[in-house]
Amino acid sequence: MSFVITADCIDEKAGECLEVCPVDCIEEGHDQYYINPRICIDCGACEVACPVAAIAWEDELREDEKIYLEKAIQFFKNH
C-alpha cells in the first residue's frame, strides 16, 4: 500500500510533495504527479505538504478516486 495522488493535482502540480519526499518516489507526468508504490515508504510527508489535498492513502480512496491508483500503476509500468 502507498499514497496516491488524485484529481486535485491535475494541471495544478504545485510540487511541494517533491521537496519533502525522503526517497524521491514522486515523478512528474503529463498532467499530474505520481507516487511510485514500489519505492514509497509510506511516511506521509507528501500528504501533509500537499497544498491542494490531492494525496490520499490507497486504502482510503473513494470509489471515484480509484482510477488514480490505476493511472499511477500504468504510469510506472511504462517507465
Protein backbone atom coordinates (compact mmCIF):
# COMPACT_ATOMS: atom_id res chain seq x y z
CA MET A 1 0.00 0.00 0.00
CA SER A 2 1.08 3.55 -0.60
CA PHE A 3 -0.18 7.04 -1.11
CA VAL A 4 -1.92 8.06 -4.33
CA ILE A 5 -2.12 11.47 -5.97
CA THR A 6 -5.68 12.21 -7.05
CA ALA A 7 -7.67 14.63 -9.22
CA ASP A 8 -6.86 17.82 -7.34
CA CYS A 9 -3.30 17.58 -8.65
CA ILE A 10 -4.31 17.51 -12.30
CA ASP A 11 -2.96 20.60 -14.02
CA GLU A 12 -2.12 22.06 -10.57
CA LYS A 13 1.21 20.30 -9.96
CA ALA A 14 2.24 22.55 -7.06
CA GLY A 15 5.28 20.35 -6.36
CA GLU A 16 5.63 20.67 -2.60
CA CYS A 17 5.37 16.88 -2.39
CA LEU A 18 8.58 16.52 -4.40
CA GLU A 19 10.50 18.67 -1.95
CA VAL A 20 9.59 16.63 1.13
CA CYS A 21 9.76 13.05 -0.18
CA PRO A 22 12.76 11.38 1.50
CA VAL A 23 13.01 8.59 -1.11
CA ASP A 24 12.29 10.53 -4.32
CA CYS A 25 9.37 8.30 -5.27
CA ILE A 26 7.30 11.06 -6.88
CA GLU A 27 7.61 11.70 -10.60
CA GLU A 28 6.03 14.27 -12.86
CA GLY A 29 3.66 13.03 -15.53
CA HIS A 30 1.95 14.92 -18.32
CA ASP A 31 -0.93 16.29 -16.25
CA GLN A 32 -0.09 15.36 -12.64
CA TYR A 33 2.50 13.88 -10.29
CA TYR A 34 2.58 10.16 -9.50
CA ILE A 35 3.86 8.23 -6.47
CA ASN A 36 5.78 5.06 -7.27
CA PRO A 37 4.28 2.43 -4.92
CA ARG A 38 7.38 0.23 -5.22
CA ILE A 39 9.56 2.97 -3.74
CA CYS A 40 7.16 4.80 -1.38
CA ILE A 41 7.93 4.14 2.31
CA ASP A 42 4.51 5.38 3.46
CA CYS A 43 5.93 8.18 5.59
CA GLY A 44 3.08 10.57 4.76
CA ALA A 45 5.27 13.65 4.30
CA CYS A 46 3.80 14.27 0.85
CA GLU A 47 0.24 14.14 2.13
CA VAL A 48 0.94 16.78 4.76
CA ALA A 49 2.84 19.04 2.32
CA CYS A 50 0.28 18.98 -0.50
CA PRO A 51 -1.39 22.41 -0.65
CA VAL A 52 -4.41 21.12 -2.59
CA ALA A 53 -5.06 17.95 -0.52
CA ALA A 54 -4.61 15.75 -3.58
CA ILE A 55 -2.81 12.89 -1.80
CA ALA A 56 -4.67 10.05 -0.12
CA TRP A 57 -3.77 6.71 1.44
CA GLU A 58 -4.56 3.94 -1.05
CA ASP A 59 -6.92 2.17 1.35
CA GLU A 60 -8.88 5.39 1.91
CA LEU A 61 -9.55 6.24 -1.73
CA ARG A 62 -13.18 6.91 -2.55
CA GLU A 63 -14.61 4.78 -5.34
CA ASP A 64 -14.33 7.67 -7.81
CA GLU A 65 -10.63 8.16 -6.91
CA LYS A 66 -9.50 4.58 -7.56
CA ILE A 67 -8.88 5.48 -11.19
CA TYR A 68 -5.85 7.48 -9.99
CA LEU A 69 -4.31 4.38 -8.47
CA GLU A 70 -4.69 2.63 -11.83
CA LYS A 71 -3.31 5.70 -13.59
CA ALA A 72 -0.19 5.57 -11.37
CA ILE A 73 0.26 1.84 -11.94
CA GLN A 74 0.13 2.39 -15.70
CA PHE A 75 2.50 5.37 -15.50
CA PHE A 76 5.19 3.34 -13.73
CA LYS A 77 4.57 0.26 -15.86
CA ASN A 78 5.69 2.33 -18.85
CA HIS A 79 8.84 3.66 -17.11
